[in-house]
Amino acid sequence: MLVVDDAGLVLMVRDGGGHRLPGGPQAAGETLPQAAVRAVAARTGVRAEVSELIGIYSDPTEPWSADLAVCFRGRPVSGPLRDGAVWVEPERLGELGIPAASRSVIEQGLAAD
């Protein structure tokens, strides 16, 4: 899920030598938006709300895309950051070791403003 705060900062999770968007698989009984909100809170400590669908993606070169990845855009509601989560200025995203497919999702989500 692409979470963007009122200042335009993007919520990211440190992942090895790079960063990625917070997310995870859908659990049985959850809607896709519920799964996105739960996964963001679990990985970052930030409770977010979904505002819109960015898109549905498939890229076999990405570990998050074994089947289909659904990405929503949202905004933070509450909660402090957990270790490993960070707010990033969009202009710094190129410095963070984000895979090309993930950068494309982020760019599409930010362009939706």
Protein backbone atom coordinates (compact mmCIF):
# COMPACT_ATOMS: atom_id res chain seq x y z
CA MET A 1 0.00 0.00 0.00
CA LEU A 2 1.30 3.44 -0.89
CA VAL A 3 0.74 5.57 2.22
CA VAL A 4 1.35 9.30 1.73
CA ASP A 5 1.08 11.78 4.59
CA ASP A 6 -0.15 15.39 4.43
CA ALA A 7 3.42 16.62 3.82
CA GLY A 8 3.75 14.30 0.79
CA LEU A 9 6.10 11.82 2.51
CA VAL A 10 5.92 8.15 1.48
CA LEU A 11 5.87 5.35 4.06
CA MET A 12 8.51 2.71 3.31
CA VAL A 13 9.91 -0.38 5.03
CA ARG A 14 13.62 -1.17 5.11
CA ASP A 15 14.23 -4.49 3.37
CA GLY A 16 17.78 -5.83 3.30
CA GLY A 17 19.82 -3.27 1.41
CA GLY A 18 16.82 -1.39 0.07
CA HIS A 19 13.29 -0.28 0.82
CA ARG A 20 9.83 -1.39 -0.23
CA LEU A 21 6.21 -0.47 0.22
CA PRO A 22 4.55 -2.09 3.24
CA GLY A 23 2.17 -4.87 2.36
CA GLY A 24 1.45 -8.54 2.60
CA PRO A 25 -0.90 -11.33 1.60
CA GLN A 26 -4.64 -11.27 2.10
CA ALA A 27 -5.89 -13.48 4.94
CA ALA A 28 -9.02 -15.61 4.64
CA GLY A 29 -12.12 -13.55 5.35
CA GLU A 30 -10.50 -10.16 4.64
CA THR A 31 -11.34 -7.79 1.86
CA LEU A 32 -8.36 -6.50 -0.11
CA PRO A 33 -8.55 -3.04 1.52
CA GLN A 34 -8.73 -4.64 4.99
CA ALA A 35 -5.66 -6.75 4.17
CA ALA A 36 -3.74 -3.65 3.04
CA VAL A 37 -4.58 -1.72 6.22
CA ARG A 38 -3.67 -4.69 8.44
CA ALA A 39 -0.37 -5.34 6.65
CA VAL A 40 0.68 -1.68 6.84
CA ALA A 41 -0.06 -1.55 10.57
CA ALA A 42 1.75 -4.83 11.22
CA ARG A 43 4.89 -3.81 9.35
CA THR A 44 5.08 -0.11 10.21
CA GLY A 45 2.97 0.60 13.30
CA VAL A 46 1.01 3.16 11.27
CA ARG A 47 -2.76 2.75 10.94
CA ALA A 48 -3.80 3.93 7.51
CA GLU A 49 -7.03 4.26 5.59
CA VAL A 50 -7.45 3.36 1.93
CA SER A 51 -8.37 6.21 -0.39
CA GLU A 52 -8.17 4.61 -3.84
CA LEU A 53 -6.95 1.71 -5.94
CA ILE A 54 -3.71 2.44 -7.77
CA GLY A 55 -3.67 -0.75 -9.82
CA ILE A 56 -3.28 -4.49 -10.15
CA TYR A 57 0.20 -5.72 -11.04
CA SER A 58 2.08 -8.86 -11.94
CA ASP A 59 5.86 -9.01 -12.30
CA PRO A 60 7.52 -12.42 -11.92
CA THR A 61 10.87 -10.74 -11.13
CA GLU A 62 9.45 -9.30 -7.90
CA PRO A 63 9.06 -11.42 -4.75
CA TRP A 64 5.76 -9.65 -3.92
CA SER A 65 4.25 -10.67 -7.24
CA ALA A 66 4.04 -14.47 -7.25
CA ASP A 67 0.47 -14.08 -8.49
CA LEU A 68 -1.10 -10.63 -8.58
CA ALA A 69 -0.31 -7.62 -6.43
CA VAL A 70 -3.06 -5.12 -5.70
CA CYS A 71 -1.85 -1.70 -4.61
CA PHE A 72 -3.97 0.91 -2.89
CA ARG A 73 -3.15 4.48 -2.00
CA GLY A 74 -3.91 5.62 1.51
CA ARG A 75 -3.18 8.14 4.19
CA PRO A 76 -1.99 7.69 7.76
CA VAL A 77 -4.53 7.98 10.55
CA SER A 78 -2.53 7.21 13.70
CA GLY A 79 0.30 5.25 15.24
CA PRO A 80 4.03 5.69 15.78
CA LEU A 81 6.60 4.21 13.40
CA ARG A 82 8.07 0.85 14.28
CA ASP A 83 11.72 0.01 13.78
CA GLY A 84 12.38 -0.57 10.11
CA ALA A 85 9.71 1.86 8.89
CA VAL A 86 10.56 5.32 7.60
CA TRP A 87 8.88 8.34 6.01
CA VAL A 88 10.69 9.32 2.80
CA GLU A 89 10.59 12.40 0.61
CA PRO A 90 9.48 11.36 -2.90
CA GLU A 91 12.57 12.98 -4.46
CA ARG A 92 14.78 10.60 -2.39
CA LEU A 93 13.08 7.40 -3.56
CA GLY A 94 15.70 6.88 -6.28
CA GLU A 95 18.43 6.63 -3.63
CA LEU A 96 16.81 3.79 -1.68
CA GLY A 97 17.40 0.66 -3.74
CA ILE A 98 13.76 0.22 -4.72
CA PRO A 99 13.20 -2.30 -7.56
CA ALA A 100 12.07 -0.82 -10.87
CA ALA A 101 8.62 -2.45 -10.75
CA SER A 102 7.98 -1.03 -7.27
CA ARG A 103 9.19 2.43 -8.34
CA SER A 104 6.68 2.30 -11.19
CA VAL A 105 3.83 1.55 -8.77
CA ILE A 106 4.93 4.41 -6.51
CA GLU A 107 5.19 6.85 -9.43
CA GLN A 108 1.68 5.90 -10.62
CA GLY A 109 0.31 6.35 -7.11
CA LEU A 110 1.97 9.72 -6.62
CA ALA A 111 0.80 10.93 -10.02
CA ALA A 112 -2.80 10.30 -8.93
CA ASP A 113 -2.70 13.47 -6.79
